[in-house]
């Protein structure tokens, strides 16, 4: 590959391509996590305990995979999992008011 004009190195161009590609993947992973959390929140507001309990392990899996790949920090994933489980447990312990 030939060099381009005025100091634009091919390695810098490739690094830019790679960073844009990984940023797009990371955005996709984070979007999946956010959608799953919104789904859990909707189940919590509807007081649907069974559906919330089914979605929770899927969110845990998404967070673990994201932290493993480096999309989010491991402690950040752990904190989010903890807070989600606390929210889900509040629905189980609190009686529904109608």
Protein backbone atom coordinates (compact mmCIF):
# COMPACT_ATOMS: atom_id res chain seq x y z
CA UNK A 1 0.00 0.00 0.00
CA UNK A 2 1.46 3.32 -1.03
CA UNK A 3 1.81 6.21 1.35
CA UNK A 4 -0.67 9.02 1.10
CA UNK A 5 0.17 12.71 0.87
CA UNK A 6 1.07 14.96 3.80
CA UNK A 7 1.89 12.66 6.65
CA UNK A 8 -1.13 10.35 6.66
CA UNK A 9 0.37 7.00 7.50
CA UNK A 10 -1.30 3.81 6.42
CA UNK A 11 -1.10 2.41 9.95
CA UNK A 12 -3.05 5.40 11.29
CA UNK A 13 -5.69 4.93 8.60
CA UNK A 14 -6.02 1.25 9.48
CA UNK A 15 -6.21 2.04 13.20
CA UNK A 16 -9.03 4.49 12.47
CA UNK A 17 -10.92 1.85 10.49
CA UNK A 18 -10.49 -0.67 13.28
CA UNK A 19 -11.59 1.74 16.01
CA UNK A 20 -14.73 2.71 14.06
CA UNK A 21 -15.57 -0.95 13.54
CA UNK A 22 -15.13 -1.85 17.22
CA UNK A 23 -17.07 1.26 18.32
CA UNK A 24 -20.00 0.17 16.15
CA UNK A 25 -19.93 -3.32 17.68
CA UNK A 26 -19.75 -1.86 21.20
CA UNK A 27 -22.74 0.40 20.50
CA UNK A 28 -24.71 -2.64 19.38
CA UNK A 29 -23.88 -4.59 22.53
CA UNK A 30 -24.77 -1.66 24.78
CA UNK A 31 -28.05 -1.17 22.91
CA UNK A 32 -28.97 -4.83 23.48
CA UNK A 33 -28.29 -4.43 27.19
CA UNK A 34 -30.38 -1.26 27.42
CA UNK A 35 -33.31 -2.88 25.58
CA UNK A 36 -33.21 -5.89 27.89
CA UNK A 37 -33.16 -3.64 30.97
CA UNK A 38 -36.14 -1.68 29.61
CA UNK A 39 -37.97 -4.95 29.10
CA UNK A 40 -37.24 -5.93 32.70
CA UNK A 41 -38.46 -2.54 33.92
CA UNK A 42 -41.71 -2.97 32.01
CA UNK A 43 -42.25 -6.35 33.66
CA UNK A 44 -41.49 -4.85 37.06
CA UNK A 45 -44.01 -2.03 36.57
CA UNK A 46 -46.62 -4.58 35.45
CA UNK A 47 -45.83 -6.67 38.56
CA UNK A 48 -45.14 -9.67 36.29
CA UNK A 49 -42.75 -11.56 38.53
CA UNK A 50 -42.40 -14.71 36.41
CA UNK A 51 -41.45 -12.83 33.25
CA UNK A 52 -39.01 -10.65 35.18
CA UNK A 53 -37.33 -13.75 36.63
CA UNK A 54 -36.97 -15.19 33.12
CA UNK A 55 -35.41 -12.02 31.68
CA UNK A 56 -32.95 -11.48 34.53
CA UNK A 57 -30.55 -14.35 33.62
CA UNK A 58 -30.49 -13.17 30.00
CA UNK A 59 -29.44 -9.70 31.15
CA UNK A 60 -26.78 -11.25 33.39
CA UNK A 61 -25.45 -13.16 30.40
CA UNK A 62 -25.35 -10.04 28.22
CA UNK A 63 -23.52 -8.09 30.92
CA UNK A 64 -21.01 -10.90 31.52
CA UNK A 65 -20.27 -11.22 27.81
CA UNK A 66 -19.88 -7.45 27.45
CA UNK A 67 -17.44 -7.30 30.34
CA UNK A 68 -15.53 -10.29 28.99
CA UNK A 69 -15.11 -8.60 25.60
CA UNK A 70 -14.11 -5.30 27.20
CA UNK A 71 -17.19 -3.36 26.12
CA UNK A 72 -17.91 -2.40 29.72
CA UNK A 73 -15.75 -2.72 32.82
CA UNK A 74 -16.16 -5.86 34.92
CA UNK A 75 -17.05 -3.92 38.06
CA UNK A 76 -19.59 -1.89 36.12
CA UNK A 77 -21.27 -5.10 34.96
CA UNK A 78 -21.25 -6.43 38.51
CA UNK A 79 -22.80 -3.23 39.85
CA UNK A 80 -25.55 -3.27 37.22
CA UNK A 81 -26.35 -6.92 37.93
CA UNK A 82 -26.58 -6.19 41.64
CA UNK A 83 -28.89 -3.22 41.18
CA UNK A 84 -31.14 -5.11 38.77
CA UNK A 85 -31.47 -8.04 41.17
CA UNK A 86 -32.37 -5.66 43.99
CA UNK A 87 -35.08 -4.08 41.82
CA UNK A 88 -36.47 -7.48 40.87
CA UNK A 89 -36.50 -8.66 44.51
CA UNK A 90 -38.46 -5.59 45.59
CA UNK A 91 -41.31 -6.68 43.31
CA UNK A 92 -41.33 -10.15 44.85
CA UNK A 93 -41.37 -8.92 48.46
CA UNK A 94 -43.69 -5.95 48.01
CA UNK A 95 -47.39 -6.85 47.70
CA UNK A 96 -49.18 -5.38 44.73
CA UNK A 97 -51.51 -2.48 45.50
CA UNK A 98 -54.66 -2.32 43.38
